[in-house]
Amino acid sequence: MATLTIRIPDEKHNRLKALAKHRHVSINRLIDELSTQALAEFDSEVRFRMLAANGDPARGLELLDKLDAHFSKG
């Protein structure tokens, strides 16, 4: 396991400590969870962009129209 040292403003550090305390986790665990979430979002974006680059724009617009019609009925 790697060790990472970062420099952040004191105010941000204090807010992260408060958030960790609120979630009943250590700051280390909080940073691990937040970095996992950021990486998952990045992986999803990369996957979406790859699929979009290989996809059929007309079919994509058709699917978006179906979603719009479905959710506008509500």
PDB file of N, CA and C in Angstrom:
ATOM      1  N   MET A   1       0.853  -1.168   0.000  1.00  0.00           N
ATOM      2  CA  MET A   1       0.000   0.000   0.000  1.00  0.00           C
ATOM      3  C   MET A   1       0.898   1.229   0.000  1.00  0.00           C
ATOM      4  N   ALA A   2       0.533   2.220  -0.794  1.00  0.00           N
ATOM      5  CA  ALA A   2       1.321   3.446  -0.914  1.00  0.00           C
ATOM      6  C   ALA A   2       0.906   4.473   0.132  1.00  0.00           C
ATOM      7  N   THR A   3       1.835   5.347   0.442  1.00  0.00           N
ATOM      8  CA  THR A   3       1.572   6.478   1.323  1.00  0.00           C
ATOM      9  C   THR A   3       1.650   7.738   0.485  1.00  0.00           C
ATOM     10  N   LEU A   4       0.681   8.618   0.673  1.00  0.00           N
ATOM     11  CA  LEU A   4       0.609   9.852  -0.103  1.00  0.00           C
ATOM     12  C   LEU A   4       0.527  11.030   0.852  1.00  0.00           C
ATOM     13  N   THR A   5       1.389  11.999   0.672  1.00  0.00           N
ATOM     14  CA  THR A   5       1.342  13.221   1.469  1.00  0.00           C
ATOM     15  C   THR A   5       0.844  14.342   0.571  1.00  0.00           C
ATOM     16  N   ILE A   6      -0.176  15.051   1.024  1.00  0.00           N
ATOM     17  CA  ILE A   6      -0.705  16.169   0.243  1.00  0.00           C
ATOM     18  C   ILE A   6      -0.718  17.426   1.108  1.00  0.00           C
ATOM     19  N   ARG A   7      -0.669  18.557   0.450  1.00  0.00           N
ATOM     20  CA  ARG A   7      -0.783  19.832   1.145  1.00  0.00           C
ATOM     21  C   ARG A   7      -2.106  20.461   0.747  1.00  0.00           C
ATOM     22  N   ILE A   8      -2.930  20.761   1.745  1.00  0.00           N
ATOM     23  CA  ILE A   8      -4.203  21.424   1.506  1.00  0.00           C
ATOM     24  C   ILE A   8      -4.352  22.545   2.529  1.00  0.00           C
ATOM     25  N   PRO A   9      -5.153  23.537   2.207  1.00  0.00           N
ATOM     26  CA  PRO A   9      -5.364  24.623   3.169  1.00  0.00           C
ATOM     27  C   PRO A   9      -5.961  24.095   4.476  1.00  0.00           C
ATOM     28  N   ASP A  10      -5.607  24.767   5.566  1.00  0.00           N
ATOM     29  CA  ASP A  10      -6.083  24.343   6.889  1.00  0.00           C
ATOM     30  C   ASP A  10      -7.604  24.260   6.945  1.00  0.00           C
ATOM     31  N   GLU A  11      -8.283  25.223   6.348  1.00  0.00           N
ATOM     32  CA  GLU A  11      -9.748  25.229   6.386  1.00  0.00           C
ATOM     33  C   GLU A  11     -10.324  23.977   5.711  1.00  0.00           C
ATOM     34  N   LYS A  12      -9.748  23.598   4.595  1.00  0.00           N
ATOM     35  CA  LYS A  12     -10.206  22.385   3.909  1.00  0.00           C
ATOM     36  C   LYS A  12      -9.922  21.154   4.762  1.00  0.00           C
ATOM     37  N   HIS A  13      -8.766  21.118   5.402  1.00  0.00           N
ATOM     38  CA  HIS A  13      -8.428  20.007   6.279  1.00  0.00           C
ATOM     39  C   HIS A  13      -9.432  19.897   7.423  1.00  0.00           C
ATOM     40  N   ASN A  14      -9.763  21.034   8.008  1.00  0.00           N
ATOM     41  CA  ASN A  14     -10.738  21.034   9.099  1.00  0.00           C
ATOM     42  C   ASN A  14     -12.109  20.555   8.631  1.00  0.00           C
ATOM     43  N   ARG A  15     -12.502  20.949   7.435  1.00  0.00           N
ATOM     44  CA  ARG A  15     -13.802  20.508   6.901  1.00  0.00           C
ATOM     45  C   ARG A  15     -13.792  19.012   6.604  1.00  0.00           C
ATOM     46  N   LEU A  16     -12.668  18.512   6.090  1.00  0.00           N
ATOM     47  CA  LEU A  16     -12.561  17.069   5.841  1.00  0.00           C
ATOM     48  C   LEU A  16     -12.598  16.284   7.147  1.00  0.00           C
ATOM     49  N   LYS A  17     -11.945  16.799   8.179  1.00  0.00           N
ATOM     50  CA  LYS A  17     -12.011  16.141   9.490  1.00  0.00           C
ATOM     51  C   LYS A  17     -13.450  16.094   9.992  1.00  0.00           C
ATOM     52  N   ALA A  18     -14.175  17.206   9.826  1.00  0.00           N
ATOM     53  CA  ALA A  18     -15.571  17.247  10.270  1.00  0.00           C
ATOM     54  C   ALA A  18     -16.428  16.266   9.470  1.00  0.00           C
ATOM     55  N   LEU A  19     -16.193  16.190   8.171  1.00  0.00           N
ATOM     56  CA  LEU A  19     -16.945  15.255   7.331  1.00  0.00           C
ATOM     57  C   LEU A  19     -16.654  13.815   7.735  1.00  0.00           C
ATOM     58  N   ALA A  20     -15.393  13.518   7.961  1.00  0.00           N
ATOM     59  CA  ALA A  20     -15.019  12.161   8.389  1.00  0.00           C
ATOM     60  C   ALA A  20     -15.682  11.812   9.715  1.00  0.00           C
ATOM     61  N   LYS A  21     -15.665  12.754  10.635  1.00  0.00           N
ATOM     62  CA  LYS A  21     -16.298  12.518  11.933  1.00  0.00           C
ATOM     63  C   LYS A  21     -17.794  12.283  11.765  1.00  0.00           C
ATOM     64  N   HIS A  22     -18.434  13.086  10.908  1.00  0.00           N
ATOM     65  CA  HIS A  22     -19.871  12.943  10.648  1.00  0.00           C
ATOM     66  C   HIS A  22     -20.194  11.561  10.069  1.00  0.00           C
ATOM     67  N   ARG A  23     -19.302  11.052   9.214  1.00  0.00           N
ATOM     68  CA  ARG A  23     -19.506   9.733   8.595  1.00  0.00           C
ATOM     69  C   ARG A  23     -18.964   8.590   9.454  1.00  0.00           C
ATOM     70  N   HIS A  24     -18.384   8.926  10.593  1.00  0.00           N
ATOM     71  CA  HIS A  24     -17.821   7.932  11.519  1.00  0.00           C
ATOM     72  C   HIS A  24     -16.721   7.097  10.867  1.00  0.00           C
ATOM     73  N   VAL A  25     -15.841   7.784  10.128  1.00  0.00           N
ATOM     74  CA  VAL A  25     -14.693   7.130   9.498  1.00  0.00           C
ATOM     75  C   VAL A  25     -13.461   7.994   9.748  1.00  0.00           C
ATOM     76  N   SER A  26     -12.299   7.415   9.517  1.00  0.00           N
ATOM     77  CA  SER A  26     -11.063   8.183   9.620  1.00  0.00           C
ATOM     78  C   SER A  26     -10.905   9.070   8.380  1.00  0.00           C
ATOM     79  N   ILE A  27     -10.051  10.070   8.485  1.00  0.00           N
ATOM     80  CA  ILE A  27      -9.778  10.901   7.304  1.00  0.00           C
ATOM     81  C   ILE A  27      -9.178  10.036   6.208  1.00  0.00           C
ATOM     82  N   ASN A  28      -8.323   9.104   6.584  1.00  0.00           N
ATOM     83  CA  ASN A  28      -7.728   8.198   5.598  1.00  0.00           C
ATOM     84  C   ASN A  28      -8.818   7.439   4.837  1.00  0.00           C
ATOM     85  N   ARG A  29      -9.780   6.893   5.560  1.00  0.00           N
ATOM     86  CA  ARG A  29     -10.878   6.150   4.929  1.00  0.00           C
ATOM     87  C   ARG A  29     -11.729   7.075   4.059  1.00  0.00           C
ATOM     88  N   LEU A  30     -11.982   8.277   4.549  1.00  0.00           N
ATOM     89  CA  LEU A  30     -12.764   9.247   3.778  1.00  0.00           C
ATOM     90  C   LEU A  30     -12.084   9.559   2.451  1.00  0.00           C
ATOM     91  N   ILE A  31     -10.793   9.841   2.484  1.00  0.00           N
ATOM     92  CA  ILE A  31     -10.055  10.147   1.254  1.00  0.00           C
ATOM     93  C   ILE A  31     -10.050   8.939   0.321  1.00  0.00           C
ATOM     94  N   ASP A  32      -9.915   7.749   0.885  1.00  0.00           N
ATOM     95  CA  ASP A  32      -9.966   6.533   0.070  1.00  0.00           C
ATOM     96  C   ASP A  32     -11.329   6.408  -0.620  1.00  0.00           C
ATOM     97  N   GLU A  33     -12.410   6.646   0.120  1.00  0.00           N
ATOM     98  CA  GLU A  33     -13.760   6.567  -0.459  1.00  0.00           C
ATOM     99  C   GLU A  33     -13.968   7.627  -1.530  1.00  0.00           C
ATOM    100  N   LEU A  34     -13.529   8.858  -1.266  1.00  0.00           N
ATOM    101  CA  LEU A  34     -13.702   9.938  -2.232  1.00  0.00           C
ATOM    102  C   LEU A  34     -12.880   9.693  -3.495  1.00  0.00           C
ATOM    103  N   SER A  35     -11.676   9.163  -3.334  1.00  0.00           N
ATOM    104  CA  SER A  35     -10.859   8.879  -4.512  1.00  0.00           C
ATOM    105  C   SER A  35     -11.449   7.720  -5.315  1.00  0.00           C
ATOM    106  N   THR A  36     -12.022   6.729  -4.632  1.00  0.00           N
ATOM    107  CA  THR A  36     -12.681   5.626  -5.328  1.00  0.00           C
ATOM    108  C   THR A  36     -13.859   6.140  -6.144  1.00  0.00           C
ATOM    109  N   GLN A  37     -14.636   7.040  -5.565  1.00  0.00           N
ATOM    110  CA  GLN A  37     -15.774   7.628  -6.269  1.00  0.00           C
ATOM    111  C   GLN A  37     -15.313   8.433  -7.486  1.00  0.00           C
ATOM    112  N   ALA A  38     -14.266   9.226  -7.327  1.00  0.00           N
ATOM    113  CA  ALA A  38     -13.744  10.024  -8.441  1.00  0.00           C
ATOM    114  C   ALA A  38     -13.254   9.119  -9.572  1.00  0.00           C
ATOM    115  N   LEU A  39     -12.568   8.032  -9.223  1.00  0.00           N
ATOM    116  CA  LEU A  39     -12.077   7.110 -10.244  1.00  0.00           C
ATOM    117  C   LEU A  39     -13.223   6.382 -10.946  1.00  0.00           C
ATOM    118  N   ALA A  40     -14.257   6.012 -10.216  1.00  0.00           N
ATOM    119  CA  ALA A  40     -15.414   5.358 -10.830  1.00  0.00           C
ATOM    120  C   ALA A  40     -16.107   6.304 -11.803  1.00  0.00           C
ATOM    121  N   GLU A  41     -16.246   7.576 -11.428  1.00  0.00           N
ATOM    122  CA  GLU A  41     -16.849   8.567 -12.325  1.00  0.00           C
ATOM    123  C   GLU A  41     -15.996   8.736 -13.575  1.00  0.00           C
ATOM    124  N   PHE A  42     -14.680   8.783 -13.398  1.00  0.00           N
ATOM    125  CA  PHE A  42     -13.775   8.922 -14.537  1.00  0.00           C
ATOM    126  C   PHE A  42     -13.876   7.709 -15.465  1.00  0.00           C
ATOM    127  N   ASP A  43     -13.871   6.513 -14.886  1.00  0.00           N
ATOM    128  CA  ASP A  43     -13.987   5.291 -15.689  1.00  0.00           C
ATOM    129  C   ASP A  43     -15.298   5.270 -16.460  1.00  0.00           C
ATOM    130  N   SER A  44     -16.385   5.704 -15.834  1.00  0.00           N
ATOM    131  CA  SER A  44     -17.685   5.742 -16.514  1.00  0.00           C
ATOM    132  C   SER A  44     -17.662   6.719 -17.674  1.00  0.00           C
ATOM    133  N   GLU A  45     -17.045   7.874 -17.460  1.00  0.00           N
ATOM    134  CA  GLU A  45     -16.968   8.872 -18.534  1.00  0.00           C
ATOM    135  C   GLU A  45     -16.154   8.346 -19.706  1.00  0.00           C
ATOM    136  N   VAL A  46     -15.018   7.716 -19.410  1.00  0.00           N
ATOM    137  CA  VAL A  46     -14.175   7.161 -20.475  1.00  0.00           C
ATOM    138  C   VAL A  46     -14.944   6.093 -21.246  1.00  0.00           C
ATOM    139  N   ARG A  47     -15.637   5.218 -20.527  1.00  0.00           N
ATOM    140  CA  ARG A  47     -16.413   4.161 -21.184  1.00  0.00           C
ATOM    141  C   ARG A  47     -17.516   4.759 -22.047  1.00  0.00           C
ATOM    142  N   PHE A  48     -18.223   5.758 -21.508  1.00  0.00           N
ATOM    143  CA  PHE A  48     -19.295   6.402 -22.261  1.00  0.00           C
ATOM    144  C   PHE A  48     -18.745   7.041 -23.538  1.00  0.00           C
ATOM    145  N   ARG A  49     -17.617   7.735 -23.422  1.00  0.00           N
ATOM    146  CA  ARG A  49     -17.037   8.387 -24.601  1.00  0.00           C
ATOM    147  C   ARG A  49     -16.600   7.371 -25.650  1.00  0.00           C
ATOM    148  N   MET A  50     -16.063   6.222 -25.204  1.00  0.00           N
ATOM    149  CA  MET A  50     -15.679   5.177 -26.158  1.00  0.00           C
ATOM    150  C   MET A  50     -16.905   4.624 -26.866  1.00  0.00           C
ATOM    151  N   LEU A  51     -17.970   4.366 -26.095  1.00  0.00           N
ATOM    152  CA  LEU A  51     -19.199   3.852 -26.705  1.00  0.00           C
ATOM    153  C   LEU A  51     -19.806   4.880 -27.652  1.00  0.00           C
ATOM    154  N   ALA A  52     -19.784   6.145 -27.260  1.00  0.00           N
ATOM    155  CA  ALA A  52     -20.347   7.199 -28.096  1.00  0.00           C
ATOM    156  C   ALA A  52     -19.564   7.340 -29.398  1.00  0.00           C
ATOM    157  N   ALA A  53     -18.251   7.197 -29.325  1.00  0.00           N
ATOM    158  CA  ALA A  53     -17.416   7.328 -30.518  1.00  0.00           C
ATOM    159  C   ALA A  53     -17.690   6.205 -31.509  1.00  0.00           C
ATOM    160  N   ASN A  54     -18.103   5.054 -31.000  1.00  0.00           N
ATOM    161  CA  ASN A  54     -18.365   3.904 -31.867  1.00  0.00           C
ATOM    162  C   ASN A  54     -19.844   3.720 -32.174  1.00  0.00           C
ATOM    163  N   GLY A  55     -20.677   4.569 -31.617  1.00  0.00           N
ATOM    164  CA  GLY A  55     -22.116   4.377 -31.742  1.00  0.00           C
ATOM    165  C   GLY A  55     -22.720   5.019 -32.983  1.00  0.00           C
ATOM    166  N   ASP A  56     -24.021   4.807 -33.107  1.00  0.00           N
ATOM    167  CA  ASP A  56     -24.807   5.348 -34.204  1.00  0.00           C
ATOM    168  C   ASP A  56     -25.554   6.580 -33.677  1.00  0.00           C
ATOM    169  N   PRO A  57     -25.188   7.790 -34.135  1.00  0.00           N
ATOM    170  CA  PRO A  57     -25.824   9.004 -33.619  1.00  0.00           C
ATOM    171  C   PRO A  57     -27.346   9.010 -33.775  1.00  0.00           C
ATOM    172  N   ALA A  58     -27.845   8.508 -34.888  1.00  0.00           N
ATOM    173  CA  ALA A  58     -29.295   8.492 -35.112  1.00  0.00           C
ATOM    174  C   ALA A  58     -29.977   7.597 -34.076  1.00  0.00           C
ATOM    175  N   ARG A  59     -29.387   6.442 -33.799  1.00  0.00           N
ATOM    176  CA  ARG A  59     -29.952   5.526 -32.803  1.00  0.00           C
ATOM    177  C   ARG A  59     -29.893   6.150 -31.408  1.00  0.00           C
ATOM    178  N   GLY A  60     -28.803   6.842 -31.106  1.00  0.00           N
ATOM    179  CA  GLY A  60     -28.684   7.515 -29.828  1.00  0.00           C
ATOM    180  C   GLY A  60     -29.750   8.580 -29.637  1.00  0.00           C
ATOM    181  N   LEU A  61     -30.008   9.357 -30.667  1.00  0.00           N
ATOM    182  CA  LEU A  61     -31.050  10.381 -30.590  1.00  0.00           C
ATOM    183  C   LEU A  61     -32.430   9.750 -30.453  1.00  0.00           C
ATOM    184  N   GLU A  62     -32.629   8.637 -31.124  1.00  0.00           N
ATOM    185  CA  GLU A  62     -33.902   7.913 -31.013  1.00  0.00           C
ATOM    186  C   GLU A  62     -34.137   7.451 -29.568  1.00  0.00           C
ATOM    187  N   LEU A  63     -33.097   6.924 -28.944  1.00  0.00           N
ATOM    188  CA  LEU A  63     -33.217   6.485 -27.553  1.00  0.00           C
ATOM    189  C   LEU A  63     -33.472   7.660 -26.611  1.00  0.00           C
ATOM    190  N   LEU A  64     -32.819   8.777 -26.856  1.00  0.00           N
ATOM    191  CA  LEU A  64     -33.045   9.959 -26.033  1.00  0.00           C
ATOM    192  C   LEU A  64     -34.484  10.460 -26.186  1.00  0.00           C
ATOM    193  N   ASP A  65     -35.009  10.404 -27.410  1.00  0.00           N
ATOM    194  CA  ASP A  65     -36.404  10.798 -27.632  1.00  0.00           C
ATOM    195  C   ASP A  65     -37.357   9.891 -26.858  1.00  0.00           C
ATOM    196  N   LYS A  66     -37.072   8.585 -26.826  1.00  0.00           N
ATOM    197  CA  LYS A  66     -37.901   7.651 -26.073  1.00  0.00           C
ATOM    198  C   LYS A  66     -37.862   7.983 -24.580  1.00  0.00           C
ATOM    199  N   LEU A  67     -36.661   8.269 -24.059  1.00  0.00           N
ATOM    200  CA  LEU A  67     -36.539   8.629 -22.662  1.00  0.00           C
ATOM    201  C   LEU A  67     -37.294   9.908 -22.358  1.00  0.00           C
ATOM    202  N   ASP A  68     -37.167  10.878 -23.223  1.00  0.00           N
ATOM    203  CA  ASP A  68     -37.861  12.152 -23.037  1.00  0.00           C
ATOM    204  C   ASP A  68     -39.370  11.937 -23.019  1.00  0.00           C
ATOM    205  N   ALA A  69     -39.876  11.139 -23.941  1.00  0.00           N
ATOM    206  CA  ALA A  69     -41.317  10.869 -24.011  1.00  0.00           C
ATOM    207  C   ALA A  69     -41.772  10.137 -22.751  1.00  0.00           C
ATOM    208  N   HIS A  70     -40.975   9.212 -22.287  1.00  0.00           N
ATOM    209  CA  HIS A  70     -41.338   8.440 -21.089  1.00  0.00           C
ATOM    210  C   HIS A  70     -41.415   9.337 -19.851  1.00  0.00           C
ATOM    211  N   PHE A  71     -40.411  10.194 -19.663  1.00  0.00           N
ATOM    212  CA  PHE A  71     -40.345  10.996 -18.454  1.00  0.00           C
ATOM    213  C   PHE A  71     -41.210  12.259 -18.523  1.00  0.00           C
ATOM    214  N   SER A  72     -41.644  12.653 -19.700  1.00  0.00           N
ATOM    215  CA  SER A  72     -42.503  13.837 -19.789  1.00  0.00           C
ATOM    216  C   SER A  72     -43.981  13.483 -19.597  1.00  0.00           C
ATOM    217  N   LYS A  73     -44.312  12.189 -19.540  1.00  0.00           N
ATOM    218  CA  LYS A  73     -45.699  11.751 -19.308  1.00  0.00           C
ATOM    219  C   LYS A  73     -46.135  12.054 -17.889  1.00  0.00           C
ATOM    220  N   GLY A  74     -45.170  11.964 -16.955  1.00  0.00           N
ATOM    221  CA  GLY A  74     -45.385  12.025 -15.534  1.00  0.00           C
ATOM    222  C   GLY A  74     -46.255  13.055 -15.020  1.00  0.00           C
TER     223      GLY A  74
END
